[in-house]
Amino acid sequence: AMLTQHVQQNEPHMAYNSDPPTSGPHYGFMVGKWGAAIVPYAPEVFVHNLEHGGVVLLYRSDCGCPNAIDL
């Protein structure tokens, strides 16, 4: 996999082969804050967290289930 392919912000890159992505092009200069986030991170950010051993859990905020995540 291309887990370590660093790209610059707004730099065009190859499309991810999955949605959500689990590897591929990502920002080398930015790691998302560890812990729960209210505002979603761009894939280029959370893929970098994955590179550093992070676990990413994504959820739909429009699911009609306000208790889906306890921040």
PDB file of N, CA and C in Angstrom:
ATOM      1  N   ALA A   1       0.837  -1.190   0.000  1.00  0.00           N
ATOM      2  CA  ALA A   1       0.000   0.000   0.000  1.00  0.00           C
ATOM      3  C   ALA A   1       0.874   1.242   0.000  1.00  0.00           C
ATOM      4  N   MET A   2       0.286   2.367  -0.325  1.00  0.00           N
ATOM      5  CA  MET A   2       1.032   3.621  -0.418  1.00  0.00           C
ATOM      6  C   MET A   2       0.794   4.472   0.818  1.00  0.00           C
ATOM      7  N   LEU A   3       0.901   3.895   1.990  1.00  0.00           N
ATOM      8  CA  LEU A   3       0.574   4.591   3.229  1.00  0.00           C
ATOM      9  C   LEU A   3       1.463   5.796   3.477  1.00  0.00           C
ATOM     10  N   THR A   4       2.688   5.793   2.980  1.00  0.00           N
ATOM     11  CA  THR A   4       3.628   6.863   3.307  1.00  0.00           C
ATOM     12  C   THR A   4       3.769   7.919   2.213  1.00  0.00           C
ATOM     13  N   GLN A   5       2.858   7.999   1.270  1.00  0.00           N
ATOM     14  CA  GLN A   5       2.953   8.992   0.203  1.00  0.00           C
ATOM     15  C   GLN A   5       2.478  10.343   0.719  1.00  0.00           C
ATOM     16  N   HIS A   6       3.420  11.236   1.020  1.00  0.00           N
ATOM     17  CA  HIS A   6       3.067  12.558   1.531  1.00  0.00           C
ATOM     18  C   HIS A   6       2.795  13.522   0.386  1.00  0.00           C
ATOM     19  N   VAL A   7       1.741  14.325   0.531  1.00  0.00           N
ATOM     20  CA  VAL A   7       1.384  15.346  -0.452  1.00  0.00           C
ATOM     21  C   VAL A   7       1.196  16.673   0.279  1.00  0.00           C
ATOM     22  N   GLN A   8       1.284  17.750  -0.454  1.00  0.00           N
ATOM     23  CA  GLN A   8       1.046  19.071   0.107  1.00  0.00           C
ATOM     24  C   GLN A   8      -0.445  19.385   0.058  1.00  0.00           C
ATOM     25  N   GLN A   9      -0.880  20.300   0.923  1.00  0.00           N
ATOM     26  CA  GLN A   9      -2.286  20.690   0.948  1.00  0.00           C
ATOM     27  C   GLN A   9      -2.686  21.228  -0.418  1.00  0.00           C
ATOM     28  N   ASN A  10      -3.844  20.817  -0.900  1.00  0.00           N
ATOM     29  CA  ASN A  10      -4.419  21.191  -2.202  1.00  0.00           C
ATOM     30  C   ASN A  10      -3.649  20.632  -3.392  1.00  0.00           C
ATOM     31  N   GLU A  11      -2.671  19.769  -3.159  1.00  0.00           N
ATOM     32  CA  GLU A  11      -1.940  19.140  -4.256  1.00  0.00           C
ATOM     33  C   GLU A  11      -2.783  17.996  -4.817  1.00  0.00           C
ATOM     34  N   PRO A  12      -2.999  17.978  -6.125  1.00  0.00           N
ATOM     35  CA  PRO A  12      -3.752  16.855  -6.704  1.00  0.00           C
ATOM     36  C   PRO A  12      -3.015  15.544  -6.438  1.00  0.00           C
ATOM     37  N   HIS A  13      -3.773  14.490  -6.184  1.00  0.00           N
ATOM     38  CA  HIS A  13      -3.139  13.191  -5.965  1.00  0.00           C
ATOM     39  C   HIS A  13      -4.032  12.093  -6.501  1.00  0.00           C
ATOM     40  N   MET A  14      -3.470  10.907  -6.571  1.00  0.00           N
ATOM     41  CA  MET A  14      -4.192   9.739  -7.048  1.00  0.00           C
ATOM     42  C   MET A  14      -5.427   9.507  -6.170  1.00  0.00           C
ATOM     43  N   ALA A  15      -6.497   9.044  -6.773  1.00  0.00           N
ATOM     44  CA  ALA A  15      -7.728   8.765  -6.024  1.00  0.00           C
ATOM     45  C   ALA A  15      -7.497   7.608  -5.051  1.00  0.00           C
ATOM     46  N   TYR A  16      -8.219   7.638  -3.937  1.00  0.00           N
ATOM     47  CA  TYR A  16      -8.150   6.537  -2.979  1.00  0.00           C
ATOM     48  C   TYR A  16      -8.860   5.328  -3.565  1.00  0.00           C
ATOM     49  N   ASN A  17      -8.434   4.141  -3.149  1.00  0.00           N
ATOM     50  CA  ASN A  17      -9.059   2.924  -3.682  1.00  0.00           C
ATOM     51  C   ASN A  17     -10.161   2.382  -2.780  1.00  0.00           C
ATOM     52  N   SER A  18     -10.492   3.129  -1.706  1.00  0.00           N
ATOM     53  CA  SER A  18     -11.602   2.745  -0.837  1.00  0.00           C
ATOM     54  C   SER A  18     -12.237   4.002  -0.262  1.00  0.00           C
ATOM     55  N   ASP A  19     -13.446   3.873   0.239  1.00  0.00           N
ATOM     56  CA  ASP A  19     -14.159   5.002   0.834  1.00  0.00           C
ATOM     57  C   ASP A  19     -14.866   4.512   2.089  1.00  0.00           C
ATOM     58  N   PRO A  20     -14.379   4.894   3.250  1.00  0.00           N
ATOM     59  CA  PRO A  20     -13.293   5.838   3.506  1.00  0.00           C
ATOM     60  C   PRO A  20     -11.933   5.192   3.233  1.00  0.00           C
ATOM     61  N   PRO A  21     -10.940   6.041   2.960  1.00  0.00           N
ATOM     62  CA  PRO A  21      -9.613   5.501   2.663  1.00  0.00           C
ATOM     63  C   PRO A  21      -8.935   4.933   3.904  1.00  0.00           C
ATOM     64  N   THR A  22      -8.141   3.906   3.685  1.00  0.00           N
ATOM     65  CA  THR A  22      -7.366   3.299   4.764  1.00  0.00           C
ATOM     66  C   THR A  22      -5.867   3.466   4.551  1.00  0.00           C
ATOM     67  N   SER A  23      -5.493   3.964   3.382  1.00  0.00           N
ATOM     68  CA  SER A  23      -4.097   4.233   3.059  1.00  0.00           C
ATOM     69  C   SER A  23      -4.082   5.103   1.814  1.00  0.00           C
ATOM     70  N   GLY A  24      -2.915   5.556   1.455  1.00  0.00           N
ATOM     71  CA  GLY A  24      -2.766   6.349   0.246  1.00  0.00           C
ATOM     72  C   GLY A  24      -2.215   7.727   0.539  1.00  0.00           C
ATOM     73  N   PRO A  25      -2.344   8.649  -0.415  1.00  0.00           N
ATOM     74  CA  PRO A  25      -1.772   9.980  -0.271  1.00  0.00           C
ATOM     75  C   PRO A  25      -2.323  10.700   0.957  1.00  0.00           C
ATOM     76  N   HIS A  26      -1.444  11.388   1.664  1.00  0.00           N
ATOM     77  CA  HIS A  26      -1.874  12.130   2.855  1.00  0.00           C
ATOM     78  C   HIS A  26      -0.875  13.235   3.145  1.00  0.00           C
ATOM     79  N   TYR A  27      -1.310  14.186   3.987  1.00  0.00           N
ATOM     80  CA  TYR A  27      -0.450  15.304   4.356  1.00  0.00           C
ATOM     81  C   TYR A  27       0.647  14.805   5.277  1.00  0.00           C
ATOM     82  N   GLY A  28       1.878  15.178   4.977  1.00  0.00           N
ATOM     83  CA  GLY A  28       2.999  14.798   5.826  1.00  0.00           C
ATOM     84  C   GLY A  28       3.247  15.801   6.928  1.00  0.00           C
ATOM     85  N   PHE A  29       2.604  16.956   6.864  1.00  0.00           N
ATOM     86  CA  PHE A  29       2.865  18.045   7.803  1.00  0.00           C
ATOM     87  C   PHE A  29       1.789  18.176   8.875  1.00  0.00           C
ATOM     88  N   MET A  30       0.716  17.393   8.808  1.00  0.00           N
ATOM     89  CA  MET A  30      -0.415  17.601   9.710  1.00  0.00           C
ATOM     90  C   MET A  30      -0.971  16.275  10.201  1.00  0.00           C
ATOM     91  N   VAL A  31      -1.091  16.161  11.512  1.00  0.00           N
ATOM     92  CA  VAL A  31      -1.750  15.011  12.125  1.00  0.00           C
ATOM     93  C   VAL A  31      -2.969  15.568  12.840  1.00  0.00           C
ATOM     94  N   GLY A  32      -4.113  14.908  12.688  1.00  0.00           N
ATOM     95  CA  GLY A  32      -5.317  15.352  13.376  1.00  0.00           C
ATOM     96  C   GLY A  32      -5.173  15.207  14.879  1.00  0.00           C
ATOM     97  N   LYS A  33      -5.846  16.066  15.622  1.00  0.00           N
ATOM     98  CA  LYS A  33      -5.833  16.000  17.081  1.00  0.00           C
ATOM     99  C   LYS A  33      -6.356  14.638  17.517  1.00  0.00           C
ATOM    100  N   TRP A  34      -5.658  14.011  18.439  1.00  0.00           N
ATOM    101  CA  TRP A  34      -6.072  12.711  18.941  1.00  0.00           C
ATOM    102  C   TRP A  34      -7.305  12.893  19.819  1.00  0.00           C
ATOM    103  N   GLY A  35      -8.247  11.997  19.726  1.00  0.00           N
ATOM    104  CA  GLY A  35      -9.491  12.078  20.482  1.00  0.00           C
ATOM    105  C   GLY A  35     -10.649  12.354  19.543  1.00  0.00           C
ATOM    106  N   ALA A  36     -11.828  12.515  20.116  1.00  0.00           N
ATOM    107  CA  ALA A  36     -13.032  12.760  19.327  1.00  0.00           C
ATOM    108  C   ALA A  36     -13.006  14.159  18.735  1.00  0.00           C
ATOM    109  N   ALA A  37     -13.493  14.285  17.517  1.00  0.00           N
ATOM    110  CA  ALA A  37     -13.556  15.572  16.834  1.00  0.00           C
ATOM    111  C   ALA A  37     -14.980  15.827  16.368  1.00  0.00           C
ATOM    112  N   ILE A  38     -15.449  17.038  16.562  1.00  0.00           N
ATOM    113  CA  ILE A  38     -16.793  17.408  16.111  1.00  0.00           C
ATOM    114  C   ILE A  38     -16.788  17.694  14.619  1.00  0.00           C
ATOM    115  N   VAL A  39     -15.749  18.380  14.142  1.00  0.00           N
ATOM    116  CA  VAL A  39     -15.620  18.718  12.728  1.00  0.00           C
ATOM    117  C   VAL A  39     -14.804  17.615  12.054  1.00  0.00           C
ATOM    118  N   PRO A  40     -15.301  17.048  10.967  1.00  0.00           N
ATOM    119  CA  PRO A  40     -14.572  15.955  10.328  1.00  0.00           C
ATOM    120  C   PRO A  40     -13.246  16.410   9.734  1.00  0.00           C
ATOM    121  N   TYR A  41     -12.271  15.529   9.791  1.00  0.00           N
ATOM    122  CA  TYR A  41     -10.975  15.777   9.169  1.00  0.00           C
ATOM    123  C   TYR A  41     -11.018  15.318   7.725  1.00  0.00           C
ATOM    124  N   ALA A  42     -10.244  15.980   6.891  1.00  0.00           N
ATOM    125  CA  ALA A  42     -10.092  15.540   5.511  1.00  0.00           C
ATOM    126  C   ALA A  42      -9.388  14.184   5.510  1.00  0.00           C
ATOM    127  N   PRO A  43      -9.671  13.342   4.533  1.00  0.00           N
ATOM    128  CA  PRO A  43      -8.994  12.046   4.467  1.00  0.00           C
ATOM    129  C   PRO A  43      -7.470  12.177   4.490  1.00  0.00           C
ATOM    130  N   GLU A  44      -6.947  13.226   3.880  1.00  0.00           N
ATOM    131  CA  GLU A  44      -5.491  13.421   3.855  1.00  0.00           C
ATOM    132  C   GLU A  44      -4.922  13.624   5.256  1.00  0.00           C
ATOM    133  N   VAL A  45      -5.770  14.058   6.185  1.00  0.00           N
ATOM    134  CA  VAL A  45      -5.340  14.229   7.579  1.00  0.00           C
ATOM    135  C   VAL A  45      -5.479  12.908   8.330  1.00  0.00           C
ATOM    136  N   PHE A  46      -6.678  12.275   8.280  1.00  0.00           N
ATOM    137  CA  PHE A  46      -6.835  11.079   9.114  1.00  0.00           C
ATOM    138  C   PHE A  46      -6.038   9.892   8.601  1.00  0.00           C
ATOM    139  N   VAL A  47      -5.709   9.851   7.303  1.00  0.00           N
ATOM    140  CA  VAL A  47      -4.831   8.783   6.816  1.00  0.00           C
ATOM    141  C   VAL A  47      -3.439   8.941   7.429  1.00  0.00           C
ATOM    142  N   HIS A  48      -3.016  10.176   7.665  1.00  0.00           N
ATOM    143  CA  HIS A  48      -1.727  10.394   8.334  1.00  0.00           C
ATOM    144  C   HIS A  48      -1.793   9.883   9.770  1.00  0.00           C
ATOM    145  N   ASN A  49      -2.923  10.101  10.460  1.00  0.00           N
ATOM    146  CA  ASN A  49      -3.076   9.538  11.803  1.00  0.00           C
ATOM    147  C   ASN A  49      -2.962   8.011  11.759  1.00  0.00           C
ATOM    148  N   LEU A  50      -3.547   7.390  10.742  1.00  0.00           N
ATOM    149  CA  LEU A  50      -3.440   5.941  10.605  1.00  0.00           C
ATOM    150  C   LEU A  50      -1.983   5.522  10.466  1.00  0.00           C
ATOM    151  N   GLU A  51      -1.217   6.292   9.716  1.00  0.00           N
ATOM    152  CA  GLU A  51       0.205   5.986   9.529  1.00  0.00           C
ATOM    153  C   GLU A  51       0.941   5.965  10.869  1.00  0.00           C
ATOM    154  N   HIS A  52       0.484   6.785  11.806  1.00  0.00           N
ATOM    155  CA  HIS A  52       1.128   6.881  13.114  1.00  0.00           C
ATOM    156  C   HIS A  52       0.466   5.983  14.159  1.00  0.00           C
ATOM    157  N   GLY A  53      -0.278   4.995  13.707  1.00  0.00           N
ATOM    158  CA  GLY A  53      -0.858   4.010  14.613  1.00  0.00           C
ATOM    159  C   GLY A  53      -2.227   4.361  15.146  1.00  0.00           C
ATOM    160  N   GLY A  54      -2.843   5.406  14.615  1.00  0.00           N
ATOM    161  CA  GLY A  54      -4.163   5.807  15.077  1.00  0.00           C
ATOM    162  C   GLY A  54      -5.252   4.874  14.591  1.00  0.00           C
ATOM    163  N   VAL A  55      -6.385   4.964  15.247  1.00  0.00           N
ATOM    164  CA  VAL A  55      -7.593   4.256  14.842  1.00  0.00           C
ATOM    165  C   VAL A  55      -8.632   5.326  14.555  1.00  0.00           C
ATOM    166  N   VAL A  56      -9.266   5.258  13.426  1.00  0.00           N
ATOM    167  CA  VAL A  56     -10.257   6.260  13.029  1.00  0.00           C
ATOM    168  C   VAL A  56     -11.633   5.609  12.998  1.00  0.00           C
ATOM    169  N   LEU A  57     -12.563   6.201  13.723  1.00  0.00           N
ATOM    170  CA  LEU A  57     -13.958   5.762  13.700  1.00  0.00           C
ATOM    171  C   LEU A  57     -14.776   6.888  13.082  1.00  0.00           C
ATOM    172  N   LEU A  58     -15.491   6.594  12.035  1.00  0.00           N
ATOM    173  CA  LEU A  58     -16.305   7.603  11.349  1.00  0.00           C
ATOM    174  C   LEU A  58     -17.776   7.298  11.607  1.00  0.00           C
ATOM    175  N   TYR A  59     -18.582   8.347  11.705  1.00  0.00           N
ATOM    176  CA  TYR A  59     -20.022   8.162  11.883  1.00  0.00           C
ATOM    177  C   TYR A  59     -20.742   9.243  11.111  1.00  0.00           C
ATOM    178  N   ARG A  60     -21.996   8.988  10.790  1.00  0.00           N
ATOM    179  CA  ARG A  60     -22.808   9.961  10.058  1.00  0.00           C
ATOM    180  C   ARG A  60     -23.494  10.874  11.061  1.00  0.00           C
ATOM    181  N   SER A  61     -23.257  12.165  10.940  1.00  0.00           N
ATOM    182  CA  SER A  61     -23.882  13.116  11.857  1.00  0.00           C
ATOM    183  C   SER A  61     -25.360  13.332  11.537  1.00  0.00           C
ATOM    184  N   ASP A  62     -25.793  12.898  10.364  1.00  0.00           N
ATOM    185  CA  ASP A  62     -27.190  13.077   9.978  1.00  0.00           C
ATOM    186  C   ASP A  62     -28.011  11.801  10.190  1.00  0.00           C
ATOM    187  N   CYS A  63     -27.544  10.921  11.061  1.00  0.00           N
ATOM    188  CA  CYS A  63     -28.212   9.637  11.242  1.00  0.00           C
ATOM    189  C   CYS A  63     -29.477   9.731  12.102  1.00  0.00           C
ATOM    190  N   GLY A  64     -29.737  10.894  12.710  1.00  0.00           N
ATOM    191  CA  GLY A  64     -30.898  11.019  13.569  1.00  0.00           C
ATOM    192  C   GLY A  64     -30.688  10.365  14.926  1.00  0.00           C
ATOM    193  N   CYS A  65     -29.445  10.166  15.275  1.00  0.00           N
ATOM    194  CA  CYS A  65     -29.116   9.512  16.544  1.00  0.00           C
ATOM    195  C   CYS A  65     -28.114  10.410  17.291  1.00  0.00           C
ATOM    196  N   PRO A  66     -28.607  11.436  17.993  1.00  0.00           N
ATOM    197  CA  PRO A  66     -27.705  12.432  18.607  1.00  0.00           C
ATOM    198  C   PRO A  66     -26.753  11.847  19.639  1.00  0.00           C
ATOM    199  N   ASN A  67     -27.024  10.670  20.155  1.00  0.00           N
ATOM    200  CA  ASN A  67     -26.133  10.059  21.128  1.00  0.00           C
ATOM    201  C   ASN A  67     -25.145   9.076  20.501  1.00  0.00           C
ATOM    202  N   ALA A  68     -24.967   9.173  19.173  1.00  0.00           N
ATOM    203  CA  ALA A  68     -24.063   8.246  18.485  1.00  0.00           C
ATOM    204  C   ALA A  68     -22.635   8.372  19.007  1.00  0.00           C
ATOM    205  N   ILE A  69     -22.256   9.544  19.416  1.00  0.00           N
ATOM    206  CA  ILE A  69     -20.918   9.749  19.959  1.00  0.00           C
ATOM    207  C   ILE A  69     -21.027  10.696  21.143  1.00  0.00           C
ATOM    208  N   ASP A  70     -20.331  10.407  22.194  1.00  0.00           N
ATOM    209  CA  ASP A  70     -20.322  11.241  23.387  1.00  0.00           C
ATOM    210  C   ASP A  70     -19.002  11.979  23.447  1.00  0.00           C
ATOM    211  N   LEU A  71     -19.036  13.260  23.061  1.00  0.00           N
ATOM    212  CA  LEU A  71     -17.805  14.047  23.062  1.00  0.00           C
ATOM    213  C   LEU A  71     -17.587  14.604  24.449  1.00  0.00           C
TER     214      LEU A  71
END
